[in-house]
Protein backbone atom coordinates (compact mmCIF):
# COMPACT_ATOMS: atom_id res chain seq x y z
CA MET A 1 14.24 -71.34 -36.89
CA ALA A 2 10.90 -69.51 -36.94
CA LYS A 3 9.70 -67.91 -40.15
CA MET A 4 9.43 -64.12 -40.06
CA LYS A 5 6.17 -62.60 -41.23
CA THR A 6 6.47 -60.41 -44.25
CA ALA A 7 5.16 -56.86 -44.29
CA LYS A 8 2.74 -57.86 -47.04
CA ALA A 9 1.09 -60.50 -44.86
CA GLU A 10 0.65 -57.90 -42.11
CA THR A 11 -0.93 -55.31 -44.40
CA GLN A 12 -3.49 -57.63 -45.97
CA PRO A 13 -5.47 -59.20 -43.16
CA ASP A 14 -8.17 -61.79 -43.57
CA PHE A 15 -11.44 -60.01 -42.87
CA GLY A 16 -13.31 -63.25 -42.25
CA LEU A 17 -17.06 -62.69 -42.43
CA LEU A 18 -16.87 -58.90 -42.51
CA PRO A 19 -16.87 -58.41 -46.31
CA ASP A 20 -20.33 -60.02 -46.44
CA ILE A 21 -21.82 -58.08 -43.52
CA LEU A 22 -23.86 -55.07 -44.54
CA GLY A 23 -23.51 -53.41 -41.13
CA TYR A 24 -19.72 -53.50 -41.39
CA HIS A 25 -19.78 -51.59 -44.68
CA LEU A 26 -22.42 -49.16 -43.42
CA ARG A 27 -20.30 -48.39 -40.37
CA ARG A 28 -17.15 -47.87 -42.45
CA ALA A 29 -19.05 -45.57 -44.82
CA GLN A 30 -20.62 -43.68 -41.91
CA SER A 31 -17.23 -43.17 -40.33
CA ALA A 32 -15.77 -41.79 -43.57
CA VAL A 33 -18.77 -39.50 -44.10
CA PHE A 34 -18.69 -38.18 -40.52
CA GLN A 35 -14.94 -37.52 -40.69
CA ASP A 36 -15.33 -35.58 -43.94
CA PHE A 37 -18.35 -33.72 -42.51
CA ALA A 38 -16.32 -32.58 -39.48
CA ALA A 39 -13.44 -31.48 -41.70
CA SER A 40 -15.86 -29.68 -44.03
CA MET A 41 -17.46 -27.55 -41.33
CA ASN A 42 -14.39 -25.29 -40.97
CA GLY A 43 -14.58 -25.37 -37.16
CA ALA A 44 -18.30 -24.58 -37.10
CA ASN A 45 -18.71 -27.04 -34.20
CA VAL A 46 -21.85 -28.68 -35.58
CA THR A 47 -22.56 -32.39 -35.81
CA PRO A 48 -24.45 -34.11 -38.63
CA GLY A 49 -27.32 -34.67 -36.18
CA GLN A 50 -27.48 -31.00 -35.21
CA PHE A 51 -27.41 -29.98 -38.86
CA GLY A 52 -30.30 -32.38 -39.51
CA VAL A 53 -32.30 -30.78 -36.70
CA LEU A 54 -31.61 -27.30 -38.08
CA ALA A 55 -32.58 -28.43 -41.59
CA LEU A 56 -35.90 -29.86 -40.43
CA ILE A 57 -36.75 -26.78 -38.35
CA GLN A 58 -35.78 -24.50 -41.24
CA ALA A 59 -38.03 -26.43 -43.64
CA ASN A 60 -40.89 -26.76 -41.11
CA PRO A 61 -41.08 -23.65 -38.93
CA GLY A 62 -43.47 -24.12 -36.02
CA LEU A 63 -42.78 -27.85 -35.76
CA SER A 64 -43.27 -29.21 -32.24
CA GLN A 65 -40.44 -30.89 -30.37
CA THR A 66 -42.52 -34.06 -30.10
CA ARG A 67 -43.14 -34.22 -33.85
CA LEU A 68 -39.50 -33.46 -34.62
CA ALA A 69 -38.40 -36.33 -32.36
CA GLU A 70 -40.83 -38.64 -34.18
CA ILE A 71 -39.53 -37.58 -37.60
CA LEU A 72 -35.93 -38.15 -36.51
CA GLY A 73 -36.75 -41.46 -34.83
CA ILE A 74 -35.19 -40.44 -31.52
CA ASP A 75 -36.63 -40.15 -28.03
CA ARG A 76 -37.92 -36.76 -26.95
CA SER A 77 -35.41 -36.35 -24.08
CA THR A 78 -32.49 -36.74 -26.51
CA LEU A 79 -34.00 -34.10 -28.77
CA VAL A 80 -34.61 -31.71 -25.87
CA ALA A 81 -30.88 -31.75 -25.08
CA VAL A 82 -30.06 -30.94 -28.73
CA ILE A 83 -32.64 -28.13 -28.86
CA ASP A 84 -31.32 -26.75 -25.54
CA LYS A 85 -27.82 -26.58 -26.99
CA LEU A 86 -28.98 -24.95 -30.25
CA GLU A 87 -31.07 -22.48 -28.26
CA ARG A 88 -28.08 -21.56 -26.03
CA GLN A 89 -26.10 -20.90 -29.24
CA GLY A 90 -28.86 -18.52 -30.36
CA LEU A 91 -29.79 -20.64 -33.39
CA VAL A 92 -33.23 -21.97 -32.42
CA GLU A 93 -36.17 -20.33 -30.69
CA ARG A 94 -39.02 -21.99 -28.81
CA ALA A 95 -42.44 -20.37 -28.68
CA PRO A 96 -45.67 -21.59 -27.10
CA ARG A 97 -47.97 -23.24 -29.62
CA PRO A 98 -51.26 -21.35 -29.91
CA ASN A 99 -53.41 -24.49 -29.72
CA ASP A 100 -51.30 -26.37 -27.12
CA ARG A 101 -49.43 -24.28 -24.56
CA ARG A 102 -47.75 -27.44 -23.17
CA SER A 103 -45.64 -27.88 -26.32
CA HIS A 104 -43.25 -25.57 -28.11
CA ALA A 105 -43.17 -24.44 -31.72
CA LEU A 106 -39.61 -24.42 -33.03
CA LYS A 107 -38.11 -21.96 -35.48
CA LEU A 108 -34.68 -20.76 -36.44
CA SER A 109 -33.65 -17.40 -35.06
CA ARG A 110 -32.32 -14.77 -37.48
CA GLN A 111 -28.82 -15.85 -36.51
CA GLY A 112 -29.88 -19.50 -36.91
CA GLN A 113 -31.21 -18.87 -40.41
CA SER A 114 -28.00 -17.13 -41.44
CA ARG A 115 -25.84 -19.86 -39.90
CA PHE A 116 -27.96 -22.58 -41.49
CA GLU A 117 -27.51 -21.04 -44.94
CA ALA A 118 -23.73 -20.95 -44.46
CA LEU A 119 -23.67 -24.54 -43.16
CA ALA A 120 -25.90 -25.72 -46.01
CA ARG A 121 -23.35 -24.44 -48.53
CA LEU A 122 -20.60 -26.38 -46.73
CA VAL A 123 -22.77 -29.50 -46.55
CA LYS A 124 -23.48 -29.36 -50.29
CA LYS A 125 -19.73 -29.26 -51.00
CA HIS A 126 -19.22 -32.13 -48.52
CA GLU A 127 -21.95 -34.17 -50.26
CA ALA A 128 -20.38 -33.59 -53.67
CA ARG A 129 -17.00 -34.68 -52.34
CA ILE A 130 -18.18 -37.91 -50.67
CA ALA A 131 -20.27 -38.90 -53.68
CA HIS A 132 -17.75 -37.92 -56.37
CA ARG A 133 -17.19 -41.56 -57.42
CA LEU A 134 -20.91 -42.17 -57.89
CA SER A 135 -22.95 -41.24 -60.92
CA ALA A 136 -26.18 -39.33 -60.31
CA ARG A 137 -28.10 -42.56 -60.88
CA GLU A 138 -25.89 -44.53 -58.47
CA ARG A 139 -26.31 -41.83 -55.84
CA ARG A 140 -30.12 -41.97 -56.15
CA THR A 141 -29.99 -45.79 -56.02
CA LEU A 142 -27.82 -45.73 -52.91
CA ILE A 143 -30.18 -43.31 -51.16
CA ASP A 144 -33.15 -45.51 -52.13
CA LEU A 145 -31.45 -48.65 -50.82
CA LEU A 146 -30.48 -46.95 -47.54
CA GLN A 147 -34.03 -45.70 -47.09
CA ARG A 148 -35.29 -49.26 -47.47
CA ILE A 149 -32.97 -50.37 -44.69
CA GLY A 150 -33.66 -47.39 -42.44
């Protein structure tokens, strides 16, 4: 007669090598952060990447698309698609750069500035929630360690 597996054995799997793999833990943490971010945005239909683009443009008005892509570490064509979407939503404006008419200077529109401020408040609450089990020192250490990896 075959032994039946207990529920306990099914709920506690052997994770093999995974507990020692940094990428596994980073991916699990990223998934949890992204899920909370989406829930925190109250249907604002903005991704973490789009918020990052808005934050950089808000802090650096006049930034070129090329420089923004470099800062973000993404290819220019990927960024152009993001900027196109934000521009269609009325959040970002492109203007010719005075010293290089082939590139665009980016800035938030009035609506974009207002929306960014509202989103920033939601993001701050999201950040507090995801880091609530970390002390201020642990949070700074985690950011430092992630920056070393990235």
